[in-house]
N, C-alpha and C. Protein backbone atom coordinates (compact mmCIF):
# COMPACT_ATOMS: atom_id res chain seq x y z
N MET A 1 -5.69 -5.97 -44.42
CA MET A 1 -4.98 -5.30 -43.35
C MET A 1 -4.94 -3.81 -43.65
N PHE A 2 -5.13 -3.02 -42.60
CA PHE A 2 -5.19 -1.57 -42.74
C PHE A 2 -3.78 -0.99 -42.73
N SER A 3 -3.58 0.05 -43.49
CA SER A 3 -2.28 0.72 -43.56
C SER A 3 -2.45 2.18 -43.17
N ALA A 4 -1.45 2.73 -42.50
CA ALA A 4 -1.48 4.13 -42.10
C ALA A 4 -1.54 5.05 -43.31
N SER A 5 -1.11 4.56 -44.46
CA SER A 5 -1.13 5.38 -45.69
C SER A 5 -2.56 5.67 -46.16
N GLN A 6 -3.53 4.94 -45.63
CA GLN A 6 -4.93 5.16 -46.00
C GLN A 6 -5.52 6.37 -45.28
N LEU A 7 -4.81 6.93 -44.31
CA LEU A 7 -5.29 8.08 -43.56
C LEU A 7 -4.84 9.37 -44.22
N SER A 8 -5.70 10.37 -44.17
CA SER A 8 -5.35 11.69 -44.71
C SER A 8 -4.50 12.44 -43.69
N PRO A 9 -3.78 13.47 -44.11
CA PRO A 9 -2.99 14.26 -43.16
C PRO A 9 -3.86 14.85 -42.04
N ASP A 10 -5.10 15.23 -42.33
CA ASP A 10 -5.99 15.76 -41.30
C ASP A 10 -6.36 14.68 -40.28
N GLN A 11 -6.59 13.46 -40.76
CA GLN A 11 -6.93 12.36 -39.87
C GLN A 11 -5.73 12.02 -38.97
N ILE A 12 -4.54 12.04 -39.54
CA ILE A 12 -3.33 11.76 -38.77
C ILE A 12 -3.15 12.84 -37.70
N ALA A 13 -3.37 14.09 -38.07
CA ALA A 13 -3.26 15.20 -37.12
C ALA A 13 -4.27 15.03 -35.99
N ALA A 14 -5.48 14.61 -36.32
CA ALA A 14 -6.52 14.40 -35.30
C ALA A 14 -6.11 13.28 -34.34
N LEU A 15 -5.57 12.19 -34.87
CA LEU A 15 -5.11 11.09 -34.01
C LEU A 15 -4.01 11.57 -33.06
N LYS A 16 -3.06 12.36 -33.59
CA LYS A 16 -1.97 12.87 -32.76
C LYS A 16 -2.50 13.80 -31.67
N LYS A 17 -3.50 14.61 -32.03
CA LYS A 17 -4.10 15.52 -31.06
C LYS A 17 -4.78 14.74 -29.94
N TRP A 18 -5.58 13.73 -30.31
CA TRP A 18 -6.26 12.93 -29.31
C TRP A 18 -5.27 12.21 -28.40
N ALA A 19 -4.20 11.70 -28.98
CA ALA A 19 -3.19 11.01 -28.18
C ALA A 19 -2.53 11.99 -27.20
N ALA A 20 -2.24 13.21 -27.66
CA ALA A 20 -1.64 14.23 -26.80
C ALA A 20 -2.57 14.63 -25.66
N GLU A 21 -3.86 14.49 -25.89
CA GLU A 21 -4.85 14.82 -24.86
C GLU A 21 -5.07 13.67 -23.88
N GLY A 22 -4.37 12.56 -24.08
CA GLY A 22 -4.45 11.44 -23.15
C GLY A 22 -5.33 10.29 -23.58
N ALA A 23 -5.69 10.24 -24.86
CA ALA A 23 -6.52 9.13 -25.34
C ALA A 23 -5.76 7.81 -25.23
N THR A 24 -6.49 6.76 -24.93
CA THR A 24 -5.90 5.42 -24.87
C THR A 24 -5.98 4.77 -26.25
N MET A 25 -5.38 3.61 -26.39
CA MET A 25 -5.43 2.88 -27.65
C MET A 25 -6.90 2.57 -28.01
N SER A 26 -7.68 2.19 -27.02
CA SER A 26 -9.10 1.90 -27.26
C SER A 26 -9.84 3.15 -27.72
N ASP A 27 -9.49 4.31 -27.12
CA ASP A 27 -10.13 5.56 -27.53
C ASP A 27 -9.82 5.86 -28.99
N LEU A 28 -8.56 5.67 -29.38
CA LEU A 28 -8.16 5.94 -30.77
C LEU A 28 -8.85 4.98 -31.73
N GLN A 29 -8.98 3.72 -31.33
CA GLN A 29 -9.69 2.73 -32.14
C GLN A 29 -11.14 3.17 -32.35
N ARG A 30 -11.76 3.64 -31.27
CA ARG A 30 -13.14 4.12 -31.36
C ARG A 30 -13.26 5.34 -32.27
N HIS A 31 -12.30 6.30 -32.15
CA HIS A 31 -12.31 7.48 -33.02
C HIS A 31 -12.14 7.09 -34.49
N LEU A 32 -11.26 6.13 -34.76
CA LEU A 32 -11.07 5.69 -36.14
C LEU A 32 -12.37 5.16 -36.73
N LYS A 33 -13.16 4.47 -35.91
CA LYS A 33 -14.41 3.91 -36.40
C LYS A 33 -15.51 4.97 -36.49
N GLU A 34 -15.70 5.69 -35.37
CA GLU A 34 -16.83 6.62 -35.31
C GLU A 34 -16.61 7.89 -36.14
N ASP A 35 -15.37 8.42 -36.13
CA ASP A 35 -15.12 9.69 -36.82
C ASP A 35 -14.67 9.52 -38.27
N PHE A 36 -13.99 8.40 -38.54
CA PHE A 36 -13.43 8.25 -39.89
C PHE A 36 -13.99 7.06 -40.66
N GLY A 37 -14.76 6.20 -39.99
CA GLY A 37 -15.38 5.07 -40.66
C GLY A 37 -14.45 3.88 -40.90
N PHE A 38 -13.31 3.82 -40.20
CA PHE A 38 -12.39 2.68 -40.33
C PHE A 38 -12.60 1.74 -39.15
N SER A 39 -13.05 0.53 -39.44
CA SER A 39 -13.26 -0.46 -38.40
C SER A 39 -12.00 -1.34 -38.31
N LEU A 40 -11.18 -1.06 -37.27
CA LEU A 40 -9.91 -1.77 -37.11
C LEU A 40 -9.94 -2.62 -35.85
N THR A 41 -9.16 -3.68 -35.90
CA THR A 41 -8.98 -4.47 -34.68
C THR A 41 -8.06 -3.68 -33.76
N TYR A 42 -8.03 -4.08 -32.51
CA TYR A 42 -7.15 -3.42 -31.55
C TYR A 42 -5.70 -3.52 -32.01
N MET A 43 -5.31 -4.71 -32.51
CA MET A 43 -3.94 -4.93 -32.96
C MET A 43 -3.61 -4.05 -34.17
N ASP A 44 -4.54 -3.95 -35.12
CA ASP A 44 -4.32 -3.08 -36.28
C ASP A 44 -4.17 -1.62 -35.83
N THR A 45 -4.97 -1.22 -34.86
CA THR A 45 -4.87 0.13 -34.33
C THR A 45 -3.49 0.36 -33.73
N ARG A 46 -3.00 -0.61 -33.02
CA ARG A 46 -1.65 -0.50 -32.43
C ARG A 46 -0.60 -0.34 -33.52
N PHE A 47 -0.73 -1.12 -34.59
CA PHE A 47 0.24 -1.03 -35.68
C PHE A 47 0.20 0.35 -36.35
N VAL A 48 -1.00 0.86 -36.58
CA VAL A 48 -1.15 2.17 -37.22
C VAL A 48 -0.53 3.26 -36.34
N ILE A 49 -0.84 3.22 -35.06
CA ILE A 49 -0.31 4.22 -34.12
C ILE A 49 1.21 4.14 -34.08
N SER A 50 1.73 2.92 -34.09
CA SER A 50 3.19 2.72 -34.10
C SER A 50 3.80 3.23 -35.41
N ASP A 51 3.17 2.91 -36.53
CA ASP A 51 3.68 3.36 -37.83
C ASP A 51 3.70 4.88 -37.93
N LEU A 52 2.75 5.54 -37.29
CA LEU A 52 2.67 7.00 -37.35
C LEU A 52 3.59 7.66 -36.31
N GLY A 53 4.18 6.85 -35.45
CA GLY A 53 5.08 7.39 -34.43
C GLY A 53 4.36 8.15 -33.33
N ILE A 54 3.10 7.82 -33.11
CA ILE A 54 2.31 8.49 -32.08
C ILE A 54 2.64 7.87 -30.72
N GLN A 55 2.97 8.73 -29.78
CA GLN A 55 3.27 8.28 -28.41
C GLN A 55 2.05 8.50 -27.54
N LEU A 56 1.59 7.46 -26.91
CA LEU A 56 0.46 7.58 -25.99
C LEU A 56 0.98 7.99 -24.62
N ILE A 57 0.21 8.81 -23.95
CA ILE A 57 0.57 9.23 -22.60
C ILE A 57 0.07 8.16 -21.64
N GLU A 58 1.01 7.55 -20.94
CA GLU A 58 0.62 6.51 -19.99
C GLU A 58 0.47 7.12 -18.61
N GLU A 59 -0.66 6.83 -18.01
CA GLU A 59 -0.87 7.30 -16.64
C GLU A 59 0.00 6.44 -15.72
N PRO A 60 0.61 7.06 -14.74
CA PRO A 60 1.41 6.26 -13.82
C PRO A 60 0.53 5.23 -13.13
N LYS A 61 1.01 4.01 -13.13
CA LYS A 61 0.26 2.93 -12.51
C LYS A 61 0.43 3.00 -11.01
N ALA A 62 -0.66 2.73 -10.31
CA ALA A 62 -0.60 2.71 -8.86
C ALA A 62 0.24 1.52 -8.42
N VAL A 63 1.25 1.80 -7.67
CA VAL A 63 2.13 0.76 -7.18
C VAL A 63 1.69 0.39 -5.77
N ALA A 64 1.44 -0.88 -5.60
CA ALA A 64 1.04 -1.36 -4.28
C ALA A 64 2.25 -1.33 -3.36
N ILE A 65 2.15 -0.55 -2.32
CA ILE A 65 3.24 -0.46 -1.35
C ILE A 65 2.96 -1.49 -0.27
N PRO A 66 3.91 -2.41 -0.09
CA PRO A 66 3.66 -3.42 0.93
C PRO A 66 3.53 -2.78 2.31
N GLU A 67 2.61 -3.33 3.07
CA GLU A 67 2.39 -2.79 4.41
C GLU A 67 3.62 -3.09 5.26
N LEU A 68 4.15 -2.04 5.81
CA LEU A 68 5.33 -2.21 6.64
C LEU A 68 4.91 -2.50 8.07
N LYS A 69 5.52 -3.51 8.61
CA LYS A 69 5.24 -3.86 9.99
C LYS A 69 5.99 -2.87 10.88
N ALA A 70 5.30 -2.36 11.84
CA ALA A 70 5.94 -1.40 12.75
C ALA A 70 7.11 -2.08 13.45
N ALA A 71 8.19 -1.35 13.57
CA ALA A 71 9.36 -1.89 14.24
C ALA A 71 9.04 -2.10 15.71
N PRO A 72 9.55 -3.19 16.28
CA PRO A 72 9.29 -3.43 17.70
C PRO A 72 9.83 -2.28 18.54
N VAL A 73 9.07 -1.92 19.55
CA VAL A 73 9.48 -0.85 20.44
C VAL A 73 10.08 -1.46 21.70
N PRO A 74 11.38 -1.24 21.92
CA PRO A 74 12.00 -1.80 23.12
C PRO A 74 11.37 -1.23 24.39
N THR A 75 11.01 -2.11 25.30
CA THR A 75 10.41 -1.68 26.56
C THR A 75 11.38 -1.84 27.72
N GLY A 76 12.41 -2.64 27.50
CA GLY A 76 13.40 -2.86 28.56
C GLY A 76 12.98 -3.92 29.56
N LYS A 77 11.79 -4.49 29.38
CA LYS A 77 11.34 -5.55 30.29
C LYS A 77 10.53 -6.58 29.53
N VAL A 78 10.40 -7.73 30.13
CA VAL A 78 9.61 -8.83 29.54
C VAL A 78 8.22 -8.78 30.14
N THR A 79 7.20 -8.90 29.28
CA THR A 79 5.81 -8.91 29.74
C THR A 79 5.14 -10.17 29.20
N THR A 80 4.56 -10.95 30.10
CA THR A 80 3.92 -12.21 29.72
C THR A 80 2.46 -12.17 30.13
N THR A 81 1.57 -12.58 29.21
CA THR A 81 0.15 -12.66 29.51
C THR A 81 -0.37 -14.06 29.17
N MET A 82 -1.48 -14.42 29.79
CA MET A 82 -2.09 -15.73 29.55
C MET A 82 -3.42 -15.50 28.82
N ASP A 83 -3.70 -16.32 27.81
CA ASP A 83 -4.95 -16.23 27.06
C ASP A 83 -6.12 -16.70 27.91
N SER A 84 -7.27 -16.03 27.74
CA SER A 84 -8.48 -16.51 28.41
C SER A 84 -9.05 -17.71 27.64
N LEU A 85 -8.82 -17.74 26.32
CA LEU A 85 -9.19 -18.89 25.49
C LEU A 85 -7.89 -19.54 25.02
N THR A 86 -7.62 -20.73 25.49
CA THR A 86 -6.38 -21.43 25.19
C THR A 86 -6.34 -21.90 23.74
N LEU A 87 -5.15 -21.86 23.14
CA LEU A 87 -4.98 -22.35 21.77
C LEU A 87 -5.33 -23.83 21.68
N PRO A 88 -5.86 -24.29 20.56
CA PRO A 88 -6.18 -25.71 20.40
C PRO A 88 -4.93 -26.58 20.62
N GLY A 89 -5.10 -27.64 21.37
CA GLY A 89 -4.00 -28.57 21.62
C GLY A 89 -3.08 -28.13 22.75
N ALA A 90 -3.37 -27.01 23.38
CA ALA A 90 -2.51 -26.51 24.45
C ALA A 90 -3.22 -26.64 25.79
N LEU A 91 -2.43 -26.85 26.82
CA LEU A 91 -2.94 -26.84 28.18
C LEU A 91 -3.15 -25.40 28.62
N VAL A 92 -2.22 -24.54 28.22
CA VAL A 92 -2.27 -23.12 28.52
C VAL A 92 -1.48 -22.38 27.44
N SER A 93 -1.87 -21.14 27.13
CA SER A 93 -1.16 -20.36 26.11
C SER A 93 -1.27 -18.88 26.42
N GLY A 94 -0.50 -18.09 25.69
CA GLY A 94 -0.53 -16.64 25.90
C GLY A 94 0.43 -15.93 24.97
N LYS A 95 0.74 -14.69 25.35
CA LYS A 95 1.64 -13.87 24.55
C LYS A 95 2.75 -13.34 25.43
N VAL A 96 3.88 -13.06 24.80
CA VAL A 96 5.02 -12.49 25.52
C VAL A 96 5.63 -11.39 24.66
N THR A 97 6.01 -10.30 25.33
CA THR A 97 6.74 -9.22 24.69
C THR A 97 8.09 -9.16 25.38
N PHE A 98 9.15 -9.33 24.60
CA PHE A 98 10.50 -9.32 25.16
C PHE A 98 11.02 -7.90 25.31
N SER A 99 12.13 -7.75 26.00
CA SER A 99 12.66 -6.43 26.33
C SER A 99 13.02 -5.60 25.09
N ASP A 100 13.29 -6.26 23.97
CA ASP A 100 13.63 -5.52 22.74
C ASP A 100 12.39 -5.19 21.91
N GLY A 101 11.20 -5.51 22.43
CA GLY A 101 9.96 -5.19 21.73
C GLY A 101 9.41 -6.30 20.86
N GLU A 102 10.18 -7.34 20.63
CA GLU A 102 9.71 -8.47 19.82
C GLU A 102 8.63 -9.22 20.59
N THR A 103 7.65 -9.75 19.85
CA THR A 103 6.55 -10.47 20.48
C THR A 103 6.49 -11.91 19.99
N ALA A 104 5.83 -12.74 20.78
CA ALA A 104 5.68 -14.16 20.42
C ALA A 104 4.45 -14.72 21.11
N ILE A 105 3.97 -15.83 20.58
CA ILE A 105 2.90 -16.60 21.20
C ILE A 105 3.58 -17.78 21.89
N TRP A 106 3.17 -18.07 23.11
CA TRP A 106 3.73 -19.21 23.82
C TRP A 106 2.61 -20.18 24.17
N MET A 107 3.01 -21.41 24.42
CA MET A 107 2.03 -22.43 24.84
C MET A 107 2.74 -23.55 25.58
N LEU A 108 1.99 -24.24 26.40
CA LEU A 108 2.44 -25.50 27.01
C LEU A 108 1.45 -26.55 26.53
N ASP A 109 1.98 -27.64 25.95
CA ASP A 109 1.07 -28.67 25.45
C ASP A 109 0.60 -29.57 26.60
N GLN A 110 -0.19 -30.58 26.27
CA GLN A 110 -0.79 -31.46 27.28
C GLN A 110 0.25 -32.22 28.10
N ASN A 111 1.48 -32.34 27.55
CA ASN A 111 2.55 -33.03 28.26
C ASN A 111 3.48 -32.06 28.98
N GLY A 112 3.13 -30.77 28.97
CA GLY A 112 3.94 -29.77 29.66
C GLY A 112 5.13 -29.26 28.85
N ARG A 113 5.19 -29.64 27.57
CA ARG A 113 6.30 -29.16 26.73
C ARG A 113 6.00 -27.74 26.26
N PRO A 114 6.99 -26.86 26.39
CA PRO A 114 6.78 -25.47 25.99
C PRO A 114 6.94 -25.29 24.48
N GLY A 115 6.25 -24.27 23.96
CA GLY A 115 6.39 -23.88 22.56
C GLY A 115 6.38 -22.36 22.47
N LEU A 116 7.20 -21.82 21.57
CA LEU A 116 7.29 -20.38 21.41
C LEU A 116 7.26 -20.08 19.91
N ASP A 117 6.32 -19.24 19.48
CA ASP A 117 6.19 -18.88 18.07
C ASP A 117 6.37 -17.36 17.93
N PRO A 118 7.60 -16.91 17.62
CA PRO A 118 7.83 -15.47 17.51
C PRO A 118 7.18 -14.88 16.26
N ASP A 119 6.79 -13.62 16.35
CA ASP A 119 6.19 -12.94 15.20
C ASP A 119 7.21 -12.73 14.09
N THR A 120 8.47 -12.54 14.45
CA THR A 120 9.55 -12.38 13.48
C THR A 120 10.24 -13.73 13.31
N ALA A 121 10.20 -14.25 12.09
CA ALA A 121 10.80 -15.56 11.82
C ALA A 121 12.28 -15.57 12.21
N GLY A 122 12.69 -16.61 12.90
CA GLY A 122 14.08 -16.78 13.27
C GLY A 122 14.51 -15.99 14.50
N TYR A 123 13.58 -15.29 15.13
CA TYR A 123 13.94 -14.47 16.30
C TYR A 123 14.33 -15.37 17.47
N ARG A 124 15.38 -14.97 18.17
CA ARG A 124 15.83 -15.66 19.38
C ARG A 124 15.98 -14.63 20.50
N PRO A 125 15.20 -14.76 21.58
CA PRO A 125 15.35 -13.82 22.70
C PRO A 125 16.68 -14.02 23.41
N THR A 126 17.10 -12.98 24.13
CA THR A 126 18.36 -13.08 24.89
C THR A 126 18.16 -14.04 26.05
N GLN A 127 19.25 -14.51 26.62
CA GLN A 127 19.18 -15.43 27.75
C GLN A 127 18.50 -14.77 28.94
N GLU A 128 18.77 -13.48 29.16
CA GLU A 128 18.13 -12.76 30.26
C GLU A 128 16.61 -12.70 30.07
N ASP A 129 16.18 -12.48 28.83
CA ASP A 129 14.75 -12.43 28.54
C ASP A 129 14.10 -13.80 28.74
N ILE A 130 14.80 -14.86 28.39
CA ILE A 130 14.25 -16.21 28.57
C ILE A 130 14.04 -16.49 30.05
N VAL A 131 15.03 -16.12 30.87
CA VAL A 131 14.91 -16.34 32.32
C VAL A 131 13.73 -15.54 32.88
N ALA A 132 13.59 -14.28 32.49
CA ALA A 132 12.48 -13.44 32.97
C ALA A 132 11.15 -14.03 32.49
N PHE A 133 11.09 -14.49 31.25
CA PHE A 133 9.87 -15.09 30.71
C PHE A 133 9.50 -16.34 31.50
N GLN A 134 10.46 -17.20 31.79
CA GLN A 134 10.19 -18.42 32.54
C GLN A 134 9.67 -18.11 33.94
N GLN A 135 10.24 -17.10 34.58
CA GLN A 135 9.79 -16.72 35.93
C GLN A 135 8.35 -16.21 35.89
N GLN A 136 8.06 -15.35 34.91
CA GLN A 136 6.70 -14.81 34.79
C GLN A 136 5.71 -15.92 34.44
N LEU A 137 6.13 -16.83 33.57
CA LEU A 137 5.26 -17.94 33.17
C LEU A 137 4.94 -18.82 34.37
N ARG A 138 5.94 -19.14 35.16
CA ARG A 138 5.74 -19.95 36.35
C ARG A 138 4.74 -19.26 37.29
N SER A 139 4.89 -17.95 37.50
CA SER A 139 4.01 -17.19 38.37
C SER A 139 2.57 -17.18 37.83
N LEU A 140 2.41 -16.97 36.50
CA LEU A 140 1.07 -16.98 35.90
C LEU A 140 0.38 -18.33 36.07
N ILE A 141 1.12 -19.40 35.87
CA ILE A 141 0.54 -20.74 35.96
C ILE A 141 0.14 -21.04 37.41
N GLU A 142 0.97 -20.64 38.38
CA GLU A 142 0.64 -20.86 39.78
C GLU A 142 -0.63 -20.09 40.17
N LYS A 143 -0.74 -18.86 39.67
CA LYS A 143 -1.92 -18.04 40.00
C LYS A 143 -3.19 -18.61 39.37
N SER A 144 -3.05 -19.26 38.22
CA SER A 144 -4.22 -19.81 37.54
C SER A 144 -4.70 -21.11 38.16
N GLY A 145 -3.87 -21.73 39.01
CA GLY A 145 -4.25 -22.95 39.69
C GLY A 145 -3.98 -24.22 38.90
N LEU A 146 -3.20 -24.14 37.85
CA LEU A 146 -2.89 -25.35 37.06
C LEU A 146 -1.78 -26.14 37.67
């Protein structure tokens, strides 16, 4: 096992200089081998650097910022559209934007049962929005000939 006491004061100074310049642990391991002839494992290099009290400069790690979903924009009215390609298992389907800007996918299954899948989990439209949605849905279905 390698000991920091095997290094000369000049070698220690060189290691500190390289660390101050931003060298990584791997860089210091390589310098120990190439410049001083000491072949150390990565772990031994870590111990030597720790024993000498050398602080490595860590580059700030890139932090992944979660993509923020744009806040719904209130429109003050309900807008309902019908898909040209119906969802699998549905008689008819489409999208709805409620007056508060929240959106959802709607469908009527083969038995005429309605389904609503809001983009925001747990969202419940107001009673006024539900009535407006039902009226628009009825009008869309009548126009489509179903």
